[in-house]
Amino acid sequence: EAVKETGANASVFFVPAPFVLDAFYETVDAGIEFIVVVPEHVPVHDVVKMRAYAREKKIHALGPTTPGILVPGRGKMGIMPASLFAPGRVGIISRSGTLSYEFAAILSERHVGQSAVVGMGADPVILLNLPEILRLFEEDEGTDAVIIVGEVGGEQEEKAAAFISEKMTKPVAAYIAGRFSPRGKRMGHAGAIIRGTAGTVDGKLKSLRAAGVDILPTPIHVREWTEKHNLH
């Protein structure tokens, strides 16, 4: 009824985790083309079903456990603090909400604006993977360069490295949080856990560096990176 009345084509979820799957099916079936799933603790099997349904229906969805997406000066879907961002041509993709705010604040202080800031989600299984988001930024005429804000655990950054080496033509920088995380212990996010030899910071940095990505030792080093690529 809401879609018919307003012509809405996007939706943000704040429903409790156990009800996200049903809400997702209902929303997609109503014709919504873009969904941001903010809640955390969504069951993994539910996310797998949602991901498969999104691909079947050819729609995009972010999350779960995401602060959302923000296009400075135009709008946001989620919970990002808009005052930290400024319009520009640098894209940010982050597994951490607060770290994406930190990077945006540093860039904005230097008058380097952002084309879009995307919280990809911090769970082990997410609806839109890092390589898929990178592809969207690569195709976006309003983006000149991209920053990846990753963290320990999972294989998103390793998969992104393969995509970057084969497909990306725009400059990419990366910061990976969690260098001193102990193995087998979850660090805040459900996806931030090292299992065996997979998901280590060193492994991610090695893959990204081999793909030609500029590695940022700390967030403040993004200043030097913007100067290197003459970003403004």
Foldseek 3Di string as FASTA:
>chain_A
DCCVVPVAQEEEDPDDQVCVLVVLVVCVVVRHQEYEAADPPRDPVSQVVSLVVCVVSVGAYAEYNFQFKDAQPPGTGHNQDNVQFHHAAEEEEECDRVVLSVLRNLCVVVVFGYRMYGNRYNAQDINAAPLNVVVVSQPDPSHQEYEYEEEFAHCRLLVNLVSLLPPHPHAYEYEYPDQPPDAPDADPGNRRHHDDPPRHPVVSVVSNVVSVHHYDDDSNCVVVVCVVVVGD
